[in-house]
Amino acid sequence: MQLYPLKSQLVLPGDSLTARFIDALSAARLSARNGDIIAVASKVVSLSEGNIVSLRKVRTTALARKLGRKFEMLPEFAQVVLNEADAVYGGVPGVLLTLKNGNAIANSGVDRKNALGDSVIPWPADSHRSAERIRRALNRKFRKRIGVVIVDSRVTPLRLGTTGLAIACSGFKPVRDSRGIKDLYGRKVQITLHSLADGIAGAAQLLMGETQETIPFVLVRGAPVQLGGSYSSNSMTLPVKDCLYMSQMPSPSIMERDHG
């Protein structure tokens, strides 16, 4: 598998990601091929879609102010995290542990890094739809079968530092089911599923970086994926009750949103 980091101009609200990607690809003297996967940083997707929140305009609730005091957060920031969260389990100074779109994630994915002024940047409003839209636009432009994965960073329990997380993908099967396949000694695999989308996201995030790199795109070539089809974000997540980590957590004591 080959990965090509693509530097870009700053993506501003309303910018076309397709145009920015084409410029970055051209500057790198590369062209798209059938089977390529385009990794896109979630932050530039949100920026291009105008999904930005000014903290000055946020009205805080008593709960947000309480969380702000307890976890050393601006109450306005805590409020945005609450607004984006499906559930909040607790936290440590500066960070809340939340459930967002089936993902256990810090601060509901809301980030202040590389945000203009007093603003913060949540995940795209509908990450799966965003991935589909980007893929279709690129397929039309290049007339190639291309996959897309939207990437953010995450922390792993008891591990120091961030790795990549696929919050949405389009155009390829995100998980390979290895159950029933025999290992080297003839034993059938019982529970292993291989998260291809997260593996690609992790490799891409390593090149994207976290601060001043201005690498919002990574061209991934030769990834071991099955192209085609449409897969919802649910195809990458587990119910909380089936998760090794989250099933051991007490029920959310701070807030749980009912989307029924």
Protein backbone atom coordinates (compact mmCIF):
# COMPACT_ATOMS: atom_id res chain seq x y z
CA MET A 1 0.00 0.00 0.00
CA GLN A 2 1.30 3.46 -0.90
CA LEU A 3 0.27 6.72 0.72
CA TYR A 4 0.81 10.19 -0.73
CA PRO A 5 0.30 13.21 1.58
CA LEU A 6 -1.22 16.12 -0.32
CA LYS A 7 -0.54 19.64 0.96
CA SER A 8 -3.26 22.19 0.35
CA GLN A 9 -4.09 25.82 0.79
CA LEU A 10 -6.12 26.55 3.89
CA VAL A 11 -9.69 25.35 3.47
CA LEU A 12 -12.10 28.13 4.38
CA PRO A 13 -15.85 28.04 4.96
CA GLY A 14 -17.66 27.47 1.68
CA ASP A 15 -14.59 26.25 -0.24
CA SER A 16 -15.02 23.37 -2.66
CA LEU A 17 -13.20 20.32 -1.33
CA THR A 18 -13.18 18.85 -4.83
CA ALA A 19 -11.35 21.90 -6.16
CA ARG A 20 -8.92 21.91 -3.24
CA PHE A 21 -8.20 18.20 -3.74
CA ILE A 22 -7.66 18.60 -7.50
CA ASP A 23 -5.22 21.47 -6.87
CA ALA A 24 -3.34 19.45 -4.24
CA LEU A 25 -3.19 16.38 -6.50
CA SER A 26 -1.91 18.46 -9.40
CA ALA A 27 0.73 20.15 -7.23
CA ALA A 28 1.98 16.71 -6.21
CA ARG A 29 2.11 15.67 -9.88
CA LEU A 30 -0.19 12.76 -9.25
CA SER A 31 -3.34 11.50 -10.94
CA ALA A 32 -6.23 9.43 -9.66
CA ARG A 33 -6.48 5.75 -10.52
CA ASN A 34 -9.18 3.12 -10.18
CA GLY A 35 -9.11 1.69 -6.68
CA ASP A 36 -7.60 4.74 -4.98
CA ILE A 37 -8.92 5.74 -1.57
CA ILE A 38 -8.97 9.44 -0.71
CA ALA A 39 -8.58 10.14 3.01
CA VAL A 40 -9.99 13.54 3.99
CA ALA A 41 -9.60 15.25 7.35
CA SER A 42 -12.96 15.70 9.05
CA LYS A 43 -12.12 19.28 9.97
CA VAL A 44 -11.84 20.47 6.37
CA VAL A 45 -15.12 18.72 5.55
CA SER A 46 -16.82 20.66 8.34
CA LEU A 47 -15.14 23.89 7.26
CA SER A 48 -16.20 23.49 3.64
CA GLU A 49 -19.77 22.82 4.79
CA GLY A 50 -19.78 25.79 7.14
CA ASN A 51 -20.27 23.63 10.24
CA ILE A 52 -18.52 26.02 12.63
CA VAL A 53 -19.73 27.32 15.99
CA SER A 54 -18.78 30.69 17.46
CA LEU A 55 -18.44 30.38 21.23
CA ARG A 56 -19.57 33.98 21.63
CA LYS A 57 -23.01 32.97 20.38
CA VAL A 58 -23.38 29.93 22.63
CA ARG A 59 -25.88 30.12 25.47
CA THR A 60 -24.83 27.90 28.33
CA THR A 61 -27.05 25.73 30.48
CA ALA A 62 -26.58 25.00 34.16
CA LEU A 63 -25.25 21.56 33.21
CA ALA A 64 -22.61 23.02 30.90
CA ARG A 65 -21.49 25.45 33.60
CA LYS A 66 -21.31 22.61 36.11
CA LEU A 67 -19.24 20.47 33.75
CA GLY A 68 -17.03 23.45 32.98
CA ARG A 69 -16.22 23.90 36.65
CA LYS A 70 -15.72 20.18 37.31
CA PHE A 71 -13.57 19.43 34.27
CA GLU A 72 -11.82 22.79 33.82
CA MET A 73 -13.51 23.66 30.51
CA LEU A 74 -15.00 26.84 29.15
CA PRO A 75 -18.72 26.48 29.79
CA GLU A 76 -19.44 27.56 26.20
CA PHE A 77 -17.19 24.79 24.89
CA ALA A 78 -18.79 22.28 27.25
CA GLN A 79 -22.18 23.36 25.90
CA VAL A 80 -21.18 22.69 22.30
CA VAL A 81 -19.89 19.25 23.33
CA LEU A 82 -23.22 18.56 25.06
CA ASN A 83 -25.14 19.73 22.00
CA GLU A 84 -23.19 17.32 19.80
CA ALA A 85 -23.17 14.34 22.16
CA ASP A 86 -25.54 11.38 22.21
CA ALA A 87 -24.34 10.54 25.72
CA VAL A 88 -21.77 11.82 28.21
CA TYR A 89 -20.07 9.38 30.58
CA GLY A 90 -17.72 11.63 32.54
CA GLY A 91 -14.34 13.17 31.91
CA VAL A 92 -10.90 14.31 32.96
CA PRO A 93 -9.60 17.92 33.04
CA GLY A 94 -10.31 19.48 29.65
CA VAL A 95 -12.06 16.48 28.10
CA LEU A 96 -15.43 14.75 28.30
CA LEU A 97 -15.90 11.12 27.34
CA THR A 98 -18.85 11.08 24.97
CA LEU A 99 -20.80 8.86 22.63
CA LYS A 100 -21.24 10.36 19.17
CA ASN A 101 -22.71 8.50 16.20
CA GLY A 102 -21.83 5.18 17.81
CA ASN A 103 -18.25 6.21 18.57
CA ALA A 104 -16.70 6.62 22.02
CA ILE A 105 -14.87 9.87 21.40
CA ALA A 106 -13.41 12.83 23.27
CA ASN A 107 -15.58 15.96 23.37
CA SER A 108 -18.05 14.64 20.75
CA GLY A 109 -15.36 15.30 18.13
CA VAL A 110 -15.55 19.07 18.73
CA ASP A 111 -12.14 20.69 18.34
CA ARG A 112 -10.58 24.12 18.86
CA LYS A 113 -7.32 23.40 17.01
CA ASN A 114 -6.96 25.36 13.78
CA ALA A 115 -10.35 27.01 14.23
CA LEU A 116 -10.73 30.69 13.40
CA GLY A 117 -11.04 33.19 16.24
CA ASP A 118 -13.33 32.06 19.03
CA SER A 119 -14.91 29.30 16.98
CA VAL A 120 -14.88 25.54 17.40
CA ILE A 121 -15.38 22.88 14.76
CA PRO A 122 -17.67 19.88 15.27
CA TRP A 123 -17.78 16.84 13.03
CA PRO A 124 -19.71 17.19 9.77
CA ALA A 125 -23.44 17.27 10.43
CA ASP A 126 -23.89 14.00 8.50
CA SER A 127 -20.49 12.42 7.95
CA HIS A 128 -21.80 9.50 5.90
CA ARG A 129 -23.64 11.82 3.52
CA SER A 130 -20.53 14.01 3.26
CA ALA A 131 -18.38 11.01 2.32
CA GLU A 132 -20.91 9.95 -0.31
CA ARG A 133 -21.06 13.46 -1.75
CA ILE A 134 -17.27 13.79 -1.95
CA ARG A 135 -16.87 10.36 -3.56
CA ARG A 136 -19.51 11.04 -6.21
CA ALA A 137 -17.96 14.40 -7.05
CA LEU A 138 -14.50 12.85 -7.43
CA ASN A 139 -15.81 9.90 -9.45
CA ARG A 140 -17.52 12.30 -11.85
CA LYS A 141 -14.41 14.44 -12.15
CA PHE A 142 -11.89 11.65 -12.70
CA ARG A 143 -14.19 8.98 -14.15
CA LYS A 144 -12.56 6.45 -11.86
CA ARG A 145 -13.83 4.16 -9.12
CA ILE A 146 -12.58 5.90 -6.00
CA GLY A 147 -13.33 5.41 -2.31
CA VAL A 148 -13.42 8.08 0.37
CA VAL A 149 -12.77 7.94 4.10
CA ILE A 150 -13.28 10.87 6.46
CA VAL A 151 -10.62 10.87 9.17
CA ASP A 152 -10.42 12.29 12.66
CA SER A 153 -8.08 11.53 15.56
CA ARG A 154 -8.97 9.58 18.69
CA VAL A 155 -7.36 8.31 21.86
CA THR A 156 -7.22 4.62 22.77
CA PRO A 157 -7.89 3.38 26.32
CA LEU A 158 -4.70 3.45 28.40
CA ARG A 159 -2.55 4.50 25.43
CA LEU A 160 -0.74 7.83 25.18
CA GLY A 161 -1.40 9.92 22.07
CA THR A 162 -3.80 9.94 19.15
CA THR A 163 -4.40 7.64 16.21
CA GLY A 164 -6.74 7.86 13.25
CA LEU A 165 -10.45 7.06 13.26
CA ALA A 166 -12.69 6.60 10.23
CA ILE A 167 -15.86 8.50 11.10
CA ALA A 168 -17.37 7.70 7.70
CA CYS A 169 -16.46 6.06 4.43
CA SER A 170 -17.95 5.60 1.00
CA GLY A 171 -17.26 3.32 -1.94
CA PHE A 172 -15.61 0.42 -0.17
CA LYS A 173 -16.41 -2.21 2.44
CA PRO A 174 -15.05 -0.85 5.75
CA VAL A 175 -14.76 -4.11 7.70
CA ARG A 176 -13.44 -7.53 6.69
CA ASP A 177 -15.03 -10.46 8.51
CA SER A 178 -12.34 -13.05 9.28
CA ARG A 179 -14.58 -15.35 11.28
CA GLY A 180 -14.50 -18.93 10.00
CA ILE A 181 -11.17 -18.49 8.20
CA LYS A 182 -8.47 -20.90 9.32
CA ASP A 183 -5.28 -19.60 10.88
CA LEU A 184 -1.78 -20.92 10.22
CA TYR A 185 -2.45 -23.98 12.36
CA GLY A 186 -5.86 -24.84 10.97
CA ARG A 187 -7.95 -23.34 13.77
CA LYS A 188 -11.02 -21.39 12.67
CA VAL A 189 -11.02 -17.72 13.70
CA GLN A 190 -13.90 -17.11 16.11
CA ILE A 191 -14.34 -13.36 16.69
CA THR A 192 -11.88 -11.35 14.59
CA LEU A 193 -13.14 -8.62 12.27
CA HIS A 194 -10.55 -6.41 10.59
CA SER A 195 -11.39 -2.69 10.50
CA LEU A 196 -10.03 -1.71 7.10
CA ALA A 197 -11.42 1.82 7.21
CA ASP A 198 -9.81 2.52 10.58
CA GLY A 199 -6.53 1.03 9.37
CA ILE A 200 -6.52 3.37 6.39
CA ALA A 201 -7.52 6.28 8.63
CA GLY A 202 -4.68 5.51 11.04
CA ALA A 203 -2.10 5.43 8.27
CA ALA A 204 -3.45 8.65 6.76
CA GLN A 205 -3.64 10.48 10.10
CA LEU A 206 0.03 9.70 10.69
CA LEU A 207 0.81 11.79 7.59
CA MET A 208 -1.86 14.45 8.13
CA GLY A 209 -0.47 15.39 11.53
CA GLU A 210 -2.24 17.40 14.21
CA THR A 211 -1.04 21.01 14.02
CA GLN A 212 0.52 23.04 11.18
CA GLU A 213 1.05 20.40 8.49
CA THR A 214 -1.71 21.61 6.08
CA ILE A 215 -2.16 18.06 4.75
CA PRO A 216 -5.94 17.57 4.68
CA PHE A 217 -5.81 14.85 2.01
CA VAL A 218 -3.92 11.59 1.67
CA LEU A 219 -4.07 9.52 -1.51
CA VAL A 220 -4.06 5.83 -0.54
CA ARG A 221 -3.13 3.43 -3.32
CA GLY A 222 -3.23 -0.36 -3.23
CA ALA A 223 -5.34 -0.64 -0.07
CA PRO A 224 -6.65 -4.18 0.50
CA VAL A 225 -10.31 -3.21 0.23
CA GLN A 226 -13.33 -4.29 -1.76
CA LEU A 227 -14.55 -1.34 -3.79
CA GLY A 228 -18.19 -0.74 -4.55
CA GLY A 229 -21.44 -0.73 -2.65
CA SER A 230 -22.86 1.67 -0.11
CA TYR A 231 -22.21 1.12 3.57
CA SER A 232 -23.71 3.12 6.41
CA SER A 233 -21.65 4.38 9.33
CA ASN A 234 -23.40 1.73 11.45
CA SER A 235 -21.45 -0.91 9.54
CA MET A 236 -18.31 0.27 11.36
CA THR A 237 -19.65 0.42 14.94
CA LEU A 238 -20.79 -1.93 17.70
CA PRO A 239 -23.71 -1.53 20.11
CA VAL A 240 -22.45 -0.38 23.50
CA LYS A 241 -23.55 -3.68 25.09
CA ASP A 242 -21.24 -5.64 22.75
CA CYS A 243 -18.16 -3.43 23.19
CA LEU A 244 -15.38 -4.79 25.40
CA TYR A 245 -14.67 -1.36 26.86
CA MET A 246 -17.94 0.57 26.85
CA SER A 247 -20.07 -2.34 28.07
CA GLN A 248 -18.13 -2.13 31.34
CA MET A 249 -19.01 1.53 31.84
CA PRO A 250 -21.88 2.54 34.10
CA SER A 251 -24.87 3.96 32.26
CA PRO A 252 -24.30 7.62 31.32
CA SER A 253 -24.83 9.50 34.57
CA ILE A 254 -24.58 13.00 33.14
CA MET A 255 -26.75 12.99 30.05
CA GLU A 256 -28.21 10.65 27.50
CA ARG A 257 -30.07 11.97 24.50
CA ASP A 258 -33.11 10.09 23.27
CA HIS A 259 -33.18 10.24 19.47
CA GLY A 260 -36.21 7.93 19.30
